[in-house]
Protein backbone atom coordinates (compact mmCIF):
# COMPACT_ATOMS: atom_id res chain seq x y z
CA UNK A 1 363.43 -87.41 126.82
CA UNK A 2 361.79 -83.94 125.62
CA UNK A 3 358.04 -83.38 126.91
CA UNK A 4 356.16 -83.68 123.22
CA UNK A 5 353.12 -81.91 122.80
CA UNK A 6 350.66 -83.07 119.90
CA UNK A 7 347.57 -80.99 119.17
CA UNK A 8 345.27 -81.90 116.45
CA UNK A 9 342.72 -79.64 114.68
CA UNK A 10 340.23 -81.78 112.62
CA UNK A 11 338.27 -78.85 111.13
CA UNK A 12 339.89 -75.10 110.56
CA UNK A 13 336.59 -73.10 109.16
CA UNK A 14 337.97 -69.83 107.70
CA UNK A 15 335.51 -67.42 106.44
CA UNK A 16 336.33 -63.99 104.47
CA UNK A 17 339.32 -65.39 102.94
CA UNK A 18 340.62 -66.68 99.93
CA UNK A 19 341.76 -69.95 99.59
CA UNK A 20 345.39 -68.86 99.20
CA UNK A 21 344.51 -66.29 102.36
CA UNK A 22 343.34 -69.45 103.93
CA UNK A 23 346.42 -71.68 103.60
CA UNK A 24 348.33 -68.45 104.77
CA UNK A 25 345.96 -68.29 108.06
CA UNK A 26 346.70 -72.13 108.72
CA UNK A 27 350.28 -71.84 107.96
CA UNK A 28 350.48 -68.78 110.91
CA UNK A 29 348.38 -71.04 113.16
CA UNK A 30 350.92 -74.03 113.18
CA UNK A 31 353.88 -71.48 113.19
CA UNK A 32 352.74 -69.45 116.73
CA UNK A 33 351.37 -72.90 118.26
CA UNK A 34 354.89 -74.30 117.53
CA UNK A 35 356.38 -71.03 118.87
CA UNK A 36 353.81 -71.18 122.12
CA UNK A 37 354.61 -74.89 122.82
CA UNK A 38 358.64 -74.26 122.80
CA UNK A 39 358.14 -71.42 125.27
CA UNK A 40 355.67 -73.17 127.40
CA UNK A 41 356.53 -72.72 131.07
CA UNK A 42 354.03 -75.92 132.17
CA UNK A 43 352.95 -78.94 130.93
CA UNK A 44 349.33 -78.71 129.65
CA UNK A 45 346.71 -80.29 131.42
CA UNK A 46 345.33 -83.75 130.58
CA UNK A 47 342.55 -83.95 128.14
CA UNK A 48 339.20 -85.00 129.71
CA UNK A 49 337.44 -84.81 126.75
CA UNK A 50 336.93 -86.08 123.32
CA UNK A 51 337.24 -82.90 121.84
CA UNK A 52 336.97 -78.93 122.47
CA UNK A 53 335.14 -76.31 120.57
CA UNK A 54 336.84 -73.08 120.99
CA UNK A 55 335.28 -69.43 120.14
CA UNK A 56 335.60 -67.74 117.00
CA UNK A 57 337.98 -65.45 116.12
CA UNK A 58 338.09 -62.36 114.46
CA UNK A 59 340.80 -60.86 112.31
CA UNK A 60 342.00 -58.19 109.76
CA UNK A 61 344.52 -60.41 108.40
CA UNK A 62 345.07 -63.87 107.26
CA UNK A 63 348.31 -63.82 109.80
CA UNK A 64 346.34 -62.06 112.69
CA UNK A 65 343.96 -64.49 112.18
CA UNK A 66 346.25 -67.96 112.39
CA UNK A 67 347.93 -66.31 115.39
CA UNK A 68 344.60 -65.57 117.17
CA UNK A 69 343.07 -69.22 116.74
CA UNK A 70 346.95 -70.28 118.23
CA UNK A 71 346.33 -68.25 121.14
CA UNK A 72 342.94 -69.16 122.05
CA UNK A 73 344.38 -73.28 121.55
CA UNK A 74 346.96 -72.75 123.42
CA UNK A 75 344.99 -70.87 126.06
CA UNK A 76 342.70 -73.98 126.07
CA UNK A 77 345.37 -76.55 126.56
CA UNK A 78 347.41 -74.99 129.10
CA UNK A 79 345.09 -73.13 131.37
C-alpha cells in the first residue's frame, strides 16, 4: 500500500487578490502540494501538536502565492 499524506488547511487568508484570484491561489497551493508529496523522498514527521501556524508569504501573482504557501507547508511537514 502506498503511504498517504493528508494535509488539512482550516483557513487560508488571502489579502490583495480578488475572489477569482484567491481561488486561483488556492488551486495552485493544492497542485503544488500534490507535486511535492509525490516527489517526497522521506515520510513526513509525526504530528506533535494540534495545529501549526506558518509565517506569511508574499508573492506578485496568485499562482506564486499558492506555490509559496505550498512550499512553506511542505517544508514544515517534511523537516
